[in-house]
Amino acid sequence: MNGAEIIDGKAYAAGLRARVAAAVPAFRVAAGRAPGLAVVLVGEDPASQVYVRSKHKATVEAGMESFEHRLPATASEMELLDLVERLNADDRVDGILVQLPLPSHIDEKRVIATIDPDKDVDGFHVVNAGRLAVGEAGYVPCTPLGCLMLLKDRLGDLSGLAAVVIGRSNIVGKPMAALLLAENCTVTVAHSRTRDLADVVRRADIVVAAVGRPEMVKGDWIRHGATVIDVGINRVPGAEPGKTRLVGDVAFAEAAAVAGAITPVPGGVGPMTIAVLLRNTLVAAHRRAGVALPEGAIG
């Protein structure tokens, strides 16, 4: 069907999780405790419940402490802010993740702003966004950092490559662009108002698609030999009535016919997110405890 290399995010994520788990025993000895991740879930959103269970399972498997806090959908904003403040003050907790989306009566920005930036392992706090923008050490959102790991694993040095990021969200697009700039790429951020989007994408050595539109990026948009990272996870009707299937933001078969390498959906970027969350928690634990990270544990 194609000559593109399939970038196996599932395998890379498993390796990263194994490296994180291997570093935990030494941290226990040095700090007298395990790294701790607190996850807060407000309400009963089914997708959020699945994510929280997955994060809890992965945290425990890595040998870390998992602190799970569930609040009803009727919880007030102040109740959630009080819980976050308690977690900020809890020395057992190195990372805090408030599962989004939150109920409509709660201000997500205010909640994220209340998290201690040094425990913000999701990388959403404006302090960490600023640190990333100016090149200081902080925490980067898990999905774009996972994308960068896959790119560097496949391409090595990214210096001088032309990269197009399609999407400008605070969660993926903007931090992805900042990460690629830090790797000395020439970066274009494209979006819904970009003129001649297909022509812009055709100039890229690296394409990162994060727009949330099923199979929007067509094969003839891709430069021959380019590396394509598809962040999209979209559920569309399947071949059988009543069935659905997952597709990315890239028309996979078309793009894979010309790309040099491409991530599949599922099995590409998705598995990286939780693996990088564990990595960020490990880094936070070492920084907070003043313990040096073992070389090779985090990338």
Protein backbone atom coordinates (compact mmCIF):
# COMPACT_ATOMS: atom_id res chain seq x y z
CA MET A 1 0.00 0.00 0.00
CA ASN A 2 2.81 2.44 0.80
CA GLY A 3 6.48 2.83 1.45
CA ALA A 4 6.22 5.02 4.52
CA GLU A 5 7.72 3.90 7.80
CA ILE A 6 5.02 3.50 10.43
CA ILE A 7 6.04 5.33 13.59
CA ASP A 8 5.09 3.01 16.46
CA GLY A 9 4.06 5.33 19.28
CA LYS A 10 2.78 2.41 21.33
CA ALA A 11 6.22 0.77 21.37
CA TYR A 12 8.06 4.03 22.13
CA ALA A 13 5.60 4.82 24.93
CA ALA A 14 6.11 1.35 26.46
CA GLY A 15 9.86 1.93 26.45
CA LEU A 16 9.50 5.35 28.07
CA ARG A 17 7.21 3.97 30.77
CA ALA A 18 9.73 1.21 31.45
CA ARG A 19 12.56 3.73 31.80
CA VAL A 20 10.48 5.84 34.18
CA ALA A 21 9.61 2.77 36.29
CA ALA A 22 13.27 1.73 36.38
CA ALA A 23 14.21 5.13 37.85
CA VAL A 24 11.63 5.06 40.65
CA PRO A 25 13.43 2.68 43.09
CA ALA A 26 16.52 4.90 43.24
CA PHE A 27 14.31 7.92 43.89
CA ARG A 28 12.59 6.04 46.72
CA VAL A 29 15.95 5.41 48.33
CA ALA A 30 17.14 9.00 47.89
CA ALA A 31 13.91 10.75 48.89
CA GLY A 32 12.36 8.22 51.26
CA ARG A 33 9.14 8.11 49.28
CA ALA A 34 7.79 7.42 45.80
CA PRO A 35 6.93 10.13 43.28
CA GLY A 36 3.26 11.08 43.68
CA LEU A 37 0.66 12.06 41.09
CA ALA A 38 -2.73 13.46 42.12
CA VAL A 39 -5.56 13.30 39.57
CA VAL A 40 -8.79 15.21 40.16
CA LEU A 41 -12.02 14.27 38.39
CA VAL A 42 -15.14 16.42 38.66
CA GLY A 43 -18.38 14.83 37.49
CA GLU A 44 -19.19 11.62 35.65
CA ASP A 45 -18.06 12.27 32.06
CA PRO A 46 -17.53 8.75 30.62
CA ALA A 47 -14.45 9.63 28.54
CA SER A 48 -12.86 11.42 31.49
CA GLN A 49 -13.50 8.41 33.72
CA VAL A 50 -11.69 6.18 31.23
CA TYR A 51 -8.73 8.57 31.10
CA VAL A 52 -8.50 8.79 34.88
CA ARG A 53 -8.57 5.00 35.26
CA SER A 54 -5.83 4.67 32.66
CA LYS A 55 -3.67 7.26 34.41
CA HIS A 56 -4.17 5.60 37.79
CA LYS A 57 -3.22 2.19 36.39
CA ALA A 58 -0.12 3.51 34.62
CA THR A 59 1.00 5.45 37.71
CA VAL A 60 0.77 2.40 39.96
CA GLU A 61 2.50 0.19 37.37
CA ALA A 62 5.41 2.67 37.33
CA GLY A 63 5.80 2.30 41.10
CA MET A 64 4.49 5.75 41.86
CA GLU A 65 1.85 6.85 44.34
CA SER A 66 -1.52 7.62 42.79
CA PHE A 67 -3.81 10.02 44.65
CA GLU A 68 -7.25 10.05 43.06
CA HIS A 69 -9.82 12.66 44.03
CA ARG A 70 -13.39 12.59 42.72
CA LEU A 71 -15.88 15.40 43.17
CA PRO A 72 -19.53 15.37 42.07
CA ALA A 73 -20.57 17.42 39.04
CA THR A 74 -22.43 19.70 41.49
CA ALA A 75 -19.22 20.61 43.36
CA SER A 76 -18.64 24.35 43.49
CA GLU A 77 -15.65 26.09 41.97
CA MET A 78 -14.47 26.99 45.46
CA GLU A 79 -14.56 23.34 46.57
CA LEU A 80 -12.31 22.42 43.64
CA LEU A 81 -9.95 25.35 44.27
CA ASP A 82 -9.69 24.37 47.95
CA LEU A 83 -8.78 20.81 46.95
CA VAL A 84 -6.11 22.06 44.54
CA GLU A 85 -4.63 24.27 47.28
CA ARG A 86 -4.46 21.25 49.63
CA LEU A 87 -2.66 19.26 46.94
CA ASN A 88 -0.26 22.17 46.39
CA ALA A 89 0.65 21.95 50.08
CA ASP A 90 0.91 18.14 50.22
CA ASP A 91 4.58 17.10 50.14
CA ARG A 92 3.63 13.62 48.94
CA VAL A 93 2.25 15.09 45.71
CA ASP A 94 4.71 16.00 42.96
CA GLY A 95 2.24 16.36 40.11
CA ILE A 96 -1.35 17.63 39.96
CA LEU A 97 -3.66 16.94 37.05
CA VAL A 98 -7.21 18.26 36.95
CA GLN A 99 -9.05 16.26 34.29
CA LEU A 100 -10.66 18.44 31.63
CA PRO A 101 -13.30 19.33 30.62
CA LEU A 102 -14.81 20.67 33.82
CA PRO A 103 -18.53 21.34 34.40
CA SER A 104 -19.64 24.58 32.78
CA HIS A 105 -20.07 26.46 36.07
CA ILE A 106 -16.34 26.09 36.88
CA ASP A 107 -13.73 28.40 35.32
CA GLU A 108 -11.03 26.12 33.88
CA LYS A 109 -8.52 28.96 33.57
CA ARG A 110 -8.89 29.89 37.23
CA VAL A 111 -8.45 26.26 38.30
CA ILE A 112 -5.31 25.80 36.19
CA ALA A 113 -3.92 29.11 37.48
CA THR A 114 -4.32 27.82 41.05
CA ILE A 115 -2.11 24.77 40.50
CA ASP A 116 1.47 25.23 41.73
CA PRO A 117 3.47 25.66 38.48
CA ASP A 118 6.13 23.31 39.87
CA LYS A 119 3.45 20.59 40.21
CA ASP A 120 1.75 21.40 36.90
CA VAL A 121 2.75 18.20 35.09
CA ASP A 122 0.14 18.87 32.39
CA GLY A 123 2.09 22.00 31.46
CA PHE A 124 -1.02 24.18 31.12
CA HIS A 125 -0.18 26.92 33.65
CA VAL A 126 0.74 30.27 32.10
CA VAL A 127 4.04 30.19 34.01
CA ASN A 128 5.01 26.96 32.28
CA ALA A 129 3.80 28.30 28.92
CA GLY A 130 6.05 31.30 29.51
CA ARG A 131 8.99 29.12 30.51
CA LEU A 132 8.61 27.15 27.29
CA ALA A 133 8.37 30.33 25.21
CA VAL A 134 11.64 31.77 26.59
CA GLY A 135 13.53 28.49 26.80
CA GLU A 136 13.55 27.95 30.56
CA ALA A 137 13.02 24.62 32.30
CA GLY A 138 9.38 23.95 33.07
CA TYR A 139 6.69 21.45 32.19
CA VAL A 140 5.47 20.98 28.62
CA PRO A 141 2.02 19.63 27.72
CA CYS A 142 2.30 15.87 27.34
CA THR A 143 1.01 15.40 23.80
CA PRO A 144 3.35 17.83 22.00
CA LEU A 145 6.33 16.65 24.03
CA GLY A 146 5.45 13.08 23.03
CA CYS A 147 5.30 14.18 19.38
CA LEU A 148 8.76 15.72 19.67
CA MET A 149 10.15 12.51 21.16
CA LEU A 150 8.78 10.50 18.23
CA LEU A 151 10.23 12.98 15.73
CA LYS A 152 13.69 12.96 17.28
CA ASP A 153 13.66 9.17 17.56
CA ARG A 154 12.92 8.93 13.84
CA LEU A 155 14.93 11.87 12.46
CA GLY A 156 17.62 12.60 15.04
CA ASP A 157 18.77 16.22 14.72
CA LEU A 158 15.88 18.41 13.54
CA SER A 159 18.00 21.53 12.89
CA GLY A 160 17.13 23.37 9.72
CA LEU A 161 14.05 21.31 8.86
CA ALA A 162 10.87 23.06 7.74
CA ALA A 163 7.97 22.20 10.03
CA VAL A 164 4.28 23.01 9.67
CA VAL A 165 2.01 22.71 12.69
CA ILE A 166 -1.65 22.67 11.69
CA GLY A 167 -3.60 23.93 14.70
CA ARG A 168 -2.91 26.66 17.24
CA SER A 169 -4.42 25.37 20.49
CA ASN A 170 -2.74 26.03 23.82
CA ILE A 171 -2.69 22.28 24.46
CA VAL A 172 -0.94 21.11 21.26
CA GLY A 173 -0.36 23.63 18.47
CA LYS A 174 1.37 26.49 20.27
CA PRO A 175 3.62 24.38 22.53
CA MET A 176 4.45 22.11 19.57
CA ALA A 177 5.63 25.13 17.60
CA ALA A 178 7.75 26.33 20.53
CA LEU A 179 9.35 22.89 20.94
CA LEU A 180 10.21 22.72 17.24
CA LEU A 181 11.67 26.23 17.33
CA ALA A 182 13.86 25.16 20.25
CA GLU A 183 15.12 22.30 18.04
CA ASN A 184 16.12 24.89 15.39
CA CYS A 185 13.35 24.07 12.94
CA THR A 186 11.85 26.73 10.70
CA VAL A 187 8.27 26.66 11.94
CA THR A 188 4.97 27.70 10.35
CA VAL A 189 1.78 27.57 12.43
CA ALA A 190 -1.18 27.07 10.13
CA HIS A 191 -4.85 27.29 11.08
CA SER A 192 -8.40 27.83 9.84
CA ARG A 193 -7.56 31.27 8.42
CA THR A 194 -4.40 30.17 6.58
CA ARG A 195 -4.56 30.88 2.86
CA ASP A 196 -3.59 28.09 0.45
CA LEU A 197 -3.14 25.65 3.34
CA ALA A 198 -2.30 22.73 1.09
CA ASP A 199 0.56 24.69 -0.52
CA VAL A 200 1.88 25.68 2.90
CA VAL A 201 1.89 22.05 4.05
CA ARG A 202 3.63 20.88 0.85
CA ARG A 203 6.74 22.88 1.79
CA ALA A 204 7.22 21.00 5.06
CA ASP A 205 9.74 18.32 6.00
CA ILE A 206 7.68 17.78 9.17
CA VAL A 207 3.88 18.00 9.36
CA VAL A 208 2.11 17.93 12.73
CA ALA A 209 -1.67 17.81 12.28
CA ALA A 210 -3.72 18.82 15.34
CA VAL A 211 -6.99 20.33 14.14
CA GLY A 212 -9.65 17.81 15.16
CA ARG A 213 -11.09 17.44 11.65
CA PRO A 214 -11.28 13.89 10.30
CA GLU A 215 -8.86 13.19 7.44
CA MET A 216 -8.59 16.86 6.51
CA VAL A 217 -4.96 16.62 5.42
CA LYS A 218 -4.89 14.86 2.04
CA GLY A 219 -2.11 12.84 0.50
CA ASP A 220 -1.37 15.43 -2.16
CA TRP A 221 -0.68 17.97 0.60
CA ILE A 222 2.34 15.96 1.75
CA ARG A 223 5.83 16.51 0.38
CA HIS A 224 7.55 13.32 -0.79
CA GLY A 225 9.54 11.84 2.11
CA ALA A 226 8.07 14.14 4.78
CA THR A 227 7.48 12.95 8.34
CA VAL A 228 3.83 13.19 9.38
CA ILE A 229 2.67 13.27 13.01
CA ASP A 230 -1.10 12.90 13.29
CA VAL A 231 -2.42 14.09 16.65
CA GLY A 232 -6.09 13.81 15.68
CA ILE A 233 -8.43 11.22 17.18
CA ASN A 234 -11.83 11.43 15.50
CA ARG A 235 -14.69 8.94 15.66
CA VAL A 236 -16.48 8.52 12.31
CA PRO A 237 -19.10 6.09 10.97
CA GLY A 238 -17.74 2.62 10.26
CA ALA A 239 -18.37 0.28 7.37
CA GLU A 240 -21.24 -1.43 9.21
CA PRO A 241 -24.42 0.41 10.29
CA GLY A 242 -24.18 1.63 13.87
CA LYS A 243 -20.42 1.01 14.04
CA THR A 244 -17.74 3.68 14.34
CA ARG A 245 -14.02 3.78 13.73
CA LEU A 246 -11.16 6.04 14.74
CA VAL A 247 -9.34 8.18 12.20
CA GLY A 248 -6.82 10.96 12.48
CA ASP A 249 -6.66 14.44 10.98
CA VAL A 250 -4.65 12.99 8.07
CA ALA A 251 -6.01 10.77 5.28
CA PHE A 252 -3.68 7.96 6.31
CA ALA A 253 -3.57 5.75 3.22
CA GLU A 254 -3.10 8.69 0.87
CA ALA A 255 -0.42 10.33 3.01
CA ALA A 256 1.43 7.09 3.68
CA ALA A 257 1.85 6.61 -0.07
CA VAL A 258 4.16 9.64 -0.25
CA ALA A 259 5.42 10.30 3.29
CA GLY A 260 8.74 9.03 4.56
CA ALA A 261 7.21 8.19 7.94
CA ILE A 262 3.78 8.60 9.54
CA THR A 263 2.02 7.90 12.83
CA PRO A 264 -1.07 5.70 12.66
CA VAL A 265 -4.38 6.35 14.44
CA PRO A 266 -4.76 4.65 16.81
CA GLY A 267 -1.33 3.54 18.03
CA GLY A 268 0.70 6.62 17.17
CA VAL A 269 0.61 9.76 19.31
CA GLY A 270 -2.14 8.59 21.70
CA PRO A 271 -0.07 6.18 23.84
CA MET A 272 2.61 8.84 24.30
CA THR A 273 0.42 11.17 26.36
CA ILE A 274 0.22 9.06 29.53
CA ALA A 275 3.85 7.96 29.17
CA VAL A 276 4.97 11.60 29.07
CA LEU A 277 2.71 12.40 32.03
CA LEU A 278 4.62 9.81 34.05
CA ARG A 279 7.89 11.25 32.77
CA ASN A 280 6.86 14.77 33.82
CA THR A 281 5.86 13.49 37.28
CA LEU A 282 9.22 11.78 37.68
CA VAL A 283 11.02 15.00 36.70
CA ALA A 284 8.87 17.03 39.11
CA ALA A 285 9.63 14.62 41.96
CA HIS A 286 13.38 14.84 41.38
CA ARG A 287 13.33 18.63 41.14
CA ARG A 288 11.23 19.05 44.26
CA ALA A 289 13.40 16.62 46.26
CA GLY A 290 16.67 18.04 44.93
CA VAL A 291 17.66 14.62 43.56
CA ALA A 292 19.54 14.33 40.26
CA LEU A 293 17.70 12.52 37.46
CA PRO A 294 19.44 9.41 36.12
CA GLU A 295 20.65 9.99 32.57
CA GLY A 296 18.35 8.54 29.90
CA ALA A 297 15.32 8.15 32.17
CA ILE A 298 13.16 10.85 30.64
CA GLY A 299 13.46 10.77 26.84
